């Protein structure tokens, strides 16, 4: 290690780097995403960590294992946050947004200054309801693997025109049919 904080020595290490150092560097890189922190944790040069990150199967495997181990935790925390947010959104839609009407200042029995906010509920604006509802619909559709946007592009229109042109080119130019005569009884 160099005497400067955060700067690693460029001195080459003799012999292979112990596996424990590689694991320590990989774990730190996973946690921080910083080469310098990973190099520090593994007591190796940051360019070595960069090379491992891009080319070393062991290093990549450690990152994948850590991602897999933490995926359930991340999903659980995200689900908890989503449920909390949904409850808060439902409360706002049903009861309105909390707003401060005024702050009343005073003193308690010991003479200490006090402040109390007087709150009220204001209905959520139609604009905000529309945004929230639209986002919820989009996210629900994504979670059900359904499209959230339907688009048509010029390529499709051009393809349709070409298809019609080909179909018209292959249709008979003149259709000859045997005329059918229908006799309609006259009514008086």
Protein backbone atom coordinates (compact mmCIF):
# COMPACT_ATOMS: atom_id res chain seq x y z
CA UNK A 1 0.00 0.00 0.00
CA UNK A 2 1.12 3.49 -0.79
CA UNK A 3 1.30 6.16 1.86
CA UNK A 4 -1.46 8.15 0.10
CA UNK A 5 -4.96 7.25 1.24
CA UNK A 6 -6.97 5.39 -1.41
CA UNK A 7 -4.01 4.91 -3.77
CA UNK A 8 -2.76 1.38 -4.14
CA UNK A 9 0.76 0.39 -4.89
CA UNK A 10 1.57 -0.67 -8.42
CA UNK A 11 4.11 -3.14 -7.00
CA UNK A 12 3.66 -6.55 -8.56
CA UNK A 13 2.74 -9.30 -6.18
CA UNK A 14 4.97 -12.32 -6.44
CA UNK A 15 3.17 -15.58 -7.06
CA UNK A 16 -0.52 -16.19 -7.49
CA UNK A 17 -2.96 -14.07 -5.55
CA UNK A 18 -4.65 -16.15 -2.84
CA UNK A 19 -8.27 -17.06 -3.56
CA UNK A 20 -9.39 -15.38 -0.32
CA UNK A 21 -8.13 -12.03 -1.60
CA UNK A 22 -10.06 -12.46 -4.85
CA UNK A 23 -13.22 -13.34 -2.90
CA UNK A 24 -12.78 -10.33 -0.61
CA UNK A 25 -12.30 -8.05 -3.61
CA UNK A 26 -15.35 -9.52 -5.39
CA UNK A 27 -17.57 -9.08 -2.32
CA UNK A 28 -16.48 -5.49 -1.85
CA UNK A 29 -16.96 -4.76 -5.54
CA UNK A 30 -20.48 -6.22 -5.33
CA UNK A 31 -21.31 -4.06 -2.30
CA UNK A 32 -19.78 -0.77 -3.44
CA UNK A 33 -19.36 -1.09 -7.21
CA UNK A 34 -15.99 0.64 -6.84
CA UNK A 35 -12.75 -0.82 -8.11
CA UNK A 36 -10.69 1.13 -5.57
CA UNK A 37 -12.68 -0.23 -2.61
CA UNK A 38 -12.51 -3.77 -4.00
CA UNK A 39 -8.75 -3.48 -4.51
CA UNK A 40 -8.34 -2.20 -0.99
CA UNK A 41 -10.40 -5.08 0.45
CA UNK A 42 -8.35 -7.64 -1.47
CA UNK A 43 -5.05 -5.83 -0.88
CA UNK A 44 -4.36 -5.84 -4.62
CA UNK A 45 -4.04 -3.33 -7.44
CA UNK A 46 -7.25 -1.89 -8.85
CA UNK A 47 -6.23 -2.75 -12.42
CA UNK A 48 -6.16 -6.41 -11.31
CA UNK A 49 -9.73 -6.12 -10.03
CA UNK A 50 -10.77 -4.48 -13.31
CA UNK A 51 -9.21 -7.36 -15.24
CA UNK A 52 -10.94 -9.93 -13.01
CA UNK A 53 -14.27 -8.13 -13.31
CA UNK A 54 -14.13 -8.40 -17.09
CA UNK A 55 -12.39 -11.75 -17.60
CA UNK A 56 -12.11 -13.95 -14.53
CA UNK A 57 -14.75 -16.72 -14.19
CA UNK A 58 -14.17 -17.12 -10.43
CA UNK A 59 -14.64 -13.41 -9.80
CA UNK A 60 -17.77 -13.33 -11.98
CA UNK A 61 -19.14 -16.43 -10.24
CA UNK A 62 -18.79 -14.78 -6.82
CA UNK A 63 -20.72 -11.74 -8.11
CA UNK A 64 -23.46 -14.01 -9.51
CA UNK A 65 -23.75 -15.97 -6.26
CA UNK A 66 -24.04 -12.76 -4.27
CA UNK A 67 -26.67 -11.40 -6.65
CA UNK A 68 -28.63 -14.64 -6.30
CA UNK A 69 -28.37 -14.64 -2.51
CA UNK A 70 -29.57 -11.06 -2.30
CA UNK A 71 -32.28 -11.27 -4.94
CA UNK A 72 -34.86 -12.70 -2.52
CA UNK A 73 -34.00 -10.00 0.02
CA UNK A 74 -34.31 -7.26 -2.60
CA UNK A 75 -37.64 -8.65 -3.82
CA UNK A 76 -38.98 -8.89 -0.27
CA UNK A 77 -37.97 -5.31 0.54
CA UNK A 78 -39.36 -4.03 -2.76
CA UNK A 79 -42.64 -5.87 -2.13
CA UNK A 80 -42.86 -4.41 1.37
CA UNK A 81 -42.26 -0.90 -0.01
CA UNK A 82 -44.85 -1.43 -2.73
CA UNK A 83 -47.46 -2.57 -0.19
CA UNK A 84 -46.74 0.42 2.05
CA UNK A 85 -46.98 2.76 -0.92
CA UNK A 86 -50.24 1.20 -2.05
CA UNK A 87 -51.76 1.64 1.42
CA UNK A 88 -50.65 5.29 1.52
CA UNK A 89 -52.00 5.90 -1.98
CA UNK A 90 -55.33 4.29 -1.08
CA UNK A 91 -55.53 6.45 2.05
CA UNK A 92 -54.89 9.62 0.02
CA UNK A 93 -57.48 8.66 -2.58
CA UNK A 94 -60.12 7.90 0.06
CA UNK A 95 -59.40 10.67 2.57
CA UNK A 96 -57.33 13.29 0.72
CA UNK A 97 -53.85 14.71 1.18
CA UNK A 98 -52.77 15.92 4.61
CA UNK A 99 -52.13 19.67 4.57
CA UNK A 100 -51.07 22.10 7.28
CA UNK A 101 -53.72 24.76 7.97
CA UNK A 102 -51.70 26.69 10.51
CA UNK A 103 -49.18 26.30 13.25
CA UNK A 104 -50.24 27.36 16.74
CA UNK A 105 -47.46 28.55 19.00
CA UNK A 106 -47.64 28.56 22.76
CA UNK A 107 -45.98 27.50 25.98
CA UNK A 108 -46.28 24.43 28.11
CA UNK A 109 -46.74 24.51 31.89
CA UNK A 110 -42.96 24.86 32.38
CA UNK A 111 -42.76 27.89 30.10
CA UNK A 112 -41.14 26.02 27.19
CA UNK A 113 -42.13 27.11 23.69
CA UNK A 114 -44.47 24.76 21.87
CA UNK A 115 -45.75 24.55 18.34
CA UNK A 116 -48.68 22.47 17.14
CA UNK A 117 -49.70 22.03 13.53
CA UNK A 118 -53.39 22.13 12.70
CA UNK A 119 -53.89 19.67 9.85
CA UNK A 120 -56.72 19.09 7.39
CA UNK A 121 -57.36 16.78 4.42
CA UNK A 122 -57.64 18.15 0.91
CA UNK A 123 -59.01 15.98 -1.92
CA UNK A 124 -56.39 14.66 -4.35
CA UNK A 125 -56.43 16.51 -7.66
CA UNK A 126 -57.83 14.80 -10.75
CA UNK A 127 -54.42 15.26 -12.41
CA UNK A 128 -52.63 13.35 -9.63
CA UNK A 129 -55.29 10.64 -9.58
CA UNK A 130 -54.87 10.25 -13.34
CA UNK A 131 -51.08 9.96 -13.03
CA UNK A 132 -51.27 7.46 -10.20
CA UNK A 133 -53.91 5.36 -11.93
CA UNK A 134 -52.04 5.37 -15.25
CA UNK A 135 -48.81 4.29 -13.59
CA UNK A 136 -50.59 1.54 -11.65
CA UNK A 137 -52.26 0.24 -14.83
CA UNK A 138 -48.92 0.22 -16.67
CA UNK A 139 -47.16 -1.62 -13.83
CA UNK A 140 -49.98 -4.15 -13.54
CA UNK A 141 -49.80 -4.83 -17.28
CA UNK A 142 -46.01 -5.22 -17.10
CA UNK A 143 -46.34 -7.67 -14.20
CA UNK A 144 -48.80 -9.68 -16.32
CA UNK A 145 -46.42 -9.60 -19.30
CA UNK A 146 -48.85 -7.48 -21.33
CA UNK A 147 -47.94 -4.54 -23.57
CA UNK A 148 -48.11 -1.06 -22.09
CA UNK A 149 -47.98 0.67 -25.45
CA UNK A 150 -49.41 -0.13 -28.84
CA UNK A 151 -47.52 1.45 -31.68
CA UNK A 152 -47.66 1.26 -35.43
CA UNK A 153 -44.77 2.36 -37.52
CA UNK A 154 -44.21 3.31 -41.12
CA UNK A 155 -42.62 -0.05 -41.88
CA UNK A 156 -45.91 -1.79 -41.13
CA UNK A 157 -47.85 0.63 -43.33
CA UNK A 158 -45.35 0.17 -46.18
CA UNK A 159 -45.53 -3.60 -45.77
CA UNK A 160 -49.32 -3.48 -46.02
CA UNK A 161 -49.16 -1.35 -49.20
CA UNK A 162 -46.69 -3.83 -50.76
CA UNK A 163 -48.93 -6.74 -49.80
CA UNK A 164 -51.96 -5.09 -51.42
CA UNK A 165 -49.95 -4.31 -54.57
CA UNK A 166 -48.78 -7.94 -54.86
CA UNK A 167 -52.31 -9.22 -54.28
CA UNK A 168 -53.72 -6.86 -56.92
CA UNK A 169 -51.00 -7.88 -59.40
CA UNK A 170 -51.96 -11.53 -59.08
CA UNK A 171 -55.72 -11.04 -59.27
CA UNK A 172 -57.41 -11.73 -62.61
CA UNK A 173 -57.94 -8.55 -64.58
CA UNK A 174 -61.39 -9.46 -65.77
CA UNK A 175 -63.88 -11.67 -64.09
CA UNK A 176 -66.34 -13.34 -66.46
CA UNK A 177 -69.44 -14.66 -64.84
CA UNK A 178 -72.52 -16.29 -66.18
CA UNK A 179 -75.29 -13.84 -65.62
CA UNK A 180 -78.15 -15.08 -63.52
CA UNK A 181 -81.60 -13.84 -64.35
CA UNK A 182 -84.00 -13.63 -61.52
CA UNK A 183 -87.63 -13.25 -62.25
CA UNK A 184 -89.39 -11.11 -59.76
CA UNK A 185 -93.16 -11.49 -59.72
CA UNK A 186 -95.01 -8.28 -60.34
CA UNK A 187 -97.30 -7.08 -57.62
CA UNK A 188 -100.38 -5.02 -58.38
